[in-house]
Structure formats: structure tokens, C-alpha cells
Amino acid sequence: MTTLLVLLQAVTNISIGYLGAAIGAGLASVGAGIGIGKIGQGAMEGMARQPEASGDIRSTMIIAAALVEGVAFFAAVICLLVTLK
């Protein structure tokens, strides 16, 4: 593994911090996508079971998705700030 990192630095002249920040931002995006998908899945199942509560379920789903997206955005910003340091 270390030889791969040394070769990566030698060939592309990119530091390991940049690579770590890119991987971190990617993982944050993938995690948020999976989380929002699970929220949507649960909301759709809940609306199918109780159509009369669809308004409450929808608003709760939107709030939860916004919170997940906010955390993912925060993680991506932190990863990008690492590259500036």
C-alpha cells in the first residue's frame, strides 16, 4: 500500500492529503445519497400504508432529507478545507 502511495505522489505530484480529501468528499456524497434513498423508501412505504397521513410523512421526509444533505455538505466542505491547508 505504501508503494502505491509513493508511486501516486511521484507520478501525479499530488499529496496524500488531496487524495484523502477527495475520498472523504466522495464517501460523504455516497453516504448522503444512500441515506436520502432510505428516507424516501420509508416515506413511500408509510404513505402506501396510511394515505391519510401522507402530508405529515412528506413534510417529515423533507426535513430529514435536508438534515442529511446538510451533514453531507458540511463533510464535503471540511474535506475541501483540508486541501487548502
C-alpha atoms as a PDB file:
ATOM      1  CA  MET A   1       0.000   0.000   0.000  1.00  0.00           C
ATOM      2  CA  THR A   2       2.795   2.406   0.796  1.00  0.00           C
ATOM      3  CA  THR A   3       4.443   1.759  -2.544  1.00  0.00           C
ATOM      4  CA  LEU A   4       1.181   2.683  -4.241  1.00  0.00           C
ATOM      5  CA  LEU A   5       1.075   5.956  -2.321  1.00  0.00           C
ATOM      6  CA  VAL A   6       4.714   6.697  -3.136  1.00  0.00           C
ATOM      7  CA  LEU A   7       4.088   5.995  -6.804  1.00  0.00           C
ATOM      8  CA  LEU A   8       0.991   8.178  -6.709  1.00  0.00           C
ATOM      9  CA  GLN A   9       2.996  11.060  -5.284  1.00  0.00           C
ATOM     10  CA  ALA A  10       5.846  10.573  -7.712  1.00  0.00           C
ATOM     11  CA  VAL A  11       3.764  10.250 -10.854  1.00  0.00           C
ATOM     12  CA  THR A  12       0.983  12.745 -10.320  1.00  0.00           C
ATOM     13  CA  ASN A  13       2.703  15.104  -7.879  1.00  0.00           C
ATOM     14  CA  ILE A  14      -0.444  15.065  -5.705  1.00  0.00           C
ATOM     15  CA  SER A  15      -0.056  14.855  -1.950  1.00  0.00           C
ATOM     16  CA  ILE A  16      -1.787  12.230   0.131  1.00  0.00           C
ATOM     17  CA  GLY A  17      -3.901  14.931   1.799  1.00  0.00           C
ATOM     18  CA  TYR A  18      -5.556  15.776  -1.505  1.00  0.00           C
ATOM     19  CA  LEU A  19      -6.276  12.116  -2.127  1.00  0.00           C
ATOM     20  CA  GLY A  20      -7.746  11.730   1.346  1.00  0.00           C
ATOM     21  CA  ALA A  21      -9.897  14.821   0.904  1.00  0.00           C
ATOM     22  CA  ALA A  22     -11.223  13.545  -2.417  1.00  0.00           C
ATOM     23  CA  ILE A  23     -12.040  10.152  -0.952  1.00  0.00           C
ATOM     24  CA  GLY A  24     -13.694  11.786   2.064  1.00  0.00           C
ATOM     25  CA  ALA A  25     -15.859  14.050  -0.082  1.00  0.00           C
ATOM     26  CA  GLY A  26     -16.845  11.086  -2.245  1.00  0.00           C
ATOM     27  CA  LEU A  27     -17.781   8.959   0.750  1.00  0.00           C
ATOM     28  CA  ALA A  28     -19.826  11.812   2.203  1.00  0.00           C
ATOM     29  CA  SER A  29     -21.734  12.146  -1.069  1.00  0.00           C
ATOM     30  CA  VAL A  30     -22.356   8.418  -1.389  1.00  0.00           C
ATOM     31  CA  GLY A  31     -23.439   8.156   2.244  1.00  0.00           C
ATOM     32  CA  ALA A  32     -25.865  11.046   1.845  1.00  0.00           C
ATOM     33  CA  GLY A  33     -27.309   9.506  -1.309  1.00  0.00           C
ATOM     34  CA  ILE A  34     -27.891   6.200   0.426  1.00  0.00           C
ATOM     35  CA  GLY A  35     -29.393   7.935   3.471  1.00  0.00           C
ATOM     36  CA  ILE A  36     -31.788  10.065   1.447  1.00  0.00           C
ATOM     37  CA  GLY A  37     -32.790   6.987  -0.566  1.00  0.00           C
ATOM     38  CA  LYS A  38     -33.618   5.130   2.645  1.00  0.00           C
ATOM     39  CA  ILE A  39     -35.636   8.117   3.875  1.00  0.00           C
ATOM     40  CA  GLY A  40     -37.586   8.202   0.617  1.00  0.00           C
ATOM     41  CA  GLN A  41     -38.173   4.468   0.716  1.00  0.00           C
ATOM     42  CA  GLY A  42     -39.544   4.635   4.244  1.00  0.00           C
ATOM     43  CA  ALA A  43     -41.747   7.596   3.385  1.00  0.00           C
ATOM     44  CA  MET A  44     -43.204   5.858   0.339  1.00  0.00           C
ATOM     45  CA  GLU A  45     -43.944   2.725   2.354  1.00  0.00           C
ATOM     46  CA  GLY A  46     -45.553   4.814   5.089  1.00  0.00           C
ATOM     47  CA  MET A  47     -47.691   6.708   2.579  1.00  0.00           C
ATOM     48  CA  ALA A  48     -48.767   3.441   0.974  1.00  0.00           C
ATOM     49  CA  ARG A  49     -49.869   2.077   4.344  1.00  0.00           C
ATOM     50  CA  GLN A  50     -51.583   5.246   5.553  1.00  0.00           C
ATOM     51  CA  PRO A  51     -52.554   7.528   2.667  1.00  0.00           C
ATOM     52  CA  GLU A  52     -54.360   9.914   5.001  1.00  0.00           C
ATOM     53  CA  ALA A  53     -51.056  10.763   6.742  1.00  0.00           C
ATOM     54  CA  SER A  54     -49.170  11.468   3.526  1.00  0.00           C
ATOM     55  CA  GLY A  55     -48.885  15.220   4.195  1.00  0.00           C
ATOM     56  CA  ASP A  56     -47.256  14.733   7.586  1.00  0.00           C
ATOM     57  CA  ILE A  57     -44.988  11.988   6.272  1.00  0.00           C
ATOM     58  CA  ARG A  58     -43.918  14.104   3.297  1.00  0.00           C
ATOM     59  CA  SER A  59     -43.013  17.117   5.422  1.00  0.00           C
ATOM     60  CA  THR A  60     -41.080  14.950   7.869  1.00  0.00           C
ATOM     61  CA  MET A  61     -39.264  13.289   4.965  1.00  0.00           C
ATOM     62  CA  ILE A  62     -38.243  16.647   3.503  1.00  0.00           C
ATOM     63  CA  ILE A  63     -36.906  17.869   6.859  1.00  0.00           C
ATOM     64  CA  ALA A  64     -34.936  14.655   7.419  1.00  0.00           C
ATOM     65  CA  ALA A  65     -33.519  14.721   3.888  1.00  0.00           C
ATOM     66  CA  ALA A  66     -32.454  18.343   4.334  1.00  0.00           C
ATOM     67  CA  LEU A  67     -30.656  17.472   7.566  1.00  0.00           C
ATOM     68  CA  VAL A  68     -28.829  14.565   5.922  1.00  0.00           C
ATOM     69  CA  GLU A  69     -27.874  16.756   2.986  1.00  0.00           C
ATOM     70  CA  GLY A  70     -26.618  19.453   5.358  1.00  0.00           C
ATOM     71  CA  VAL A  71     -24.357  16.995   7.155  1.00  0.00           C
ATOM     72  CA  ALA A  72     -23.009  15.724   3.817  1.00  0.00           C
ATOM     73  CA  PHE A  73     -22.352  19.280   2.660  1.00  0.00           C
ATOM     74  CA  PHE A  74     -20.550  20.009   5.924  1.00  0.00           C
ATOM     75  CA  ALA A  75     -18.369  16.901   5.466  1.00  0.00           C
ATOM     76  CA  ALA A  76     -17.548  17.865   1.887  1.00  0.00           C
ATOM     77  CA  VAL A  77     -16.573  21.393   2.974  1.00  0.00           C
ATOM     78  CA  ILE A  78     -14.336  20.003   5.689  1.00  0.00           C
ATOM     79  CA  CYS A  79     -12.669  17.717   3.148  1.00  0.00           C
ATOM     80  CA  LEU A  80     -12.112  20.639   0.803  1.00  0.00           C
ATOM     81  CA  LEU A  81     -10.712  22.786   3.604  1.00  0.00           C
ATOM     82  CA  VAL A  82      -8.097  20.106   4.242  1.00  0.00           C
ATOM     83  CA  THR A  83      -6.773  20.653   0.748  1.00  0.00           C
ATOM     84  CA  LEU A  84      -6.366  24.390   1.339  1.00  0.00           C
ATOM     85  CA  LYS A  85      -4.271  23.927   4.459  1.00  0.00           C
END
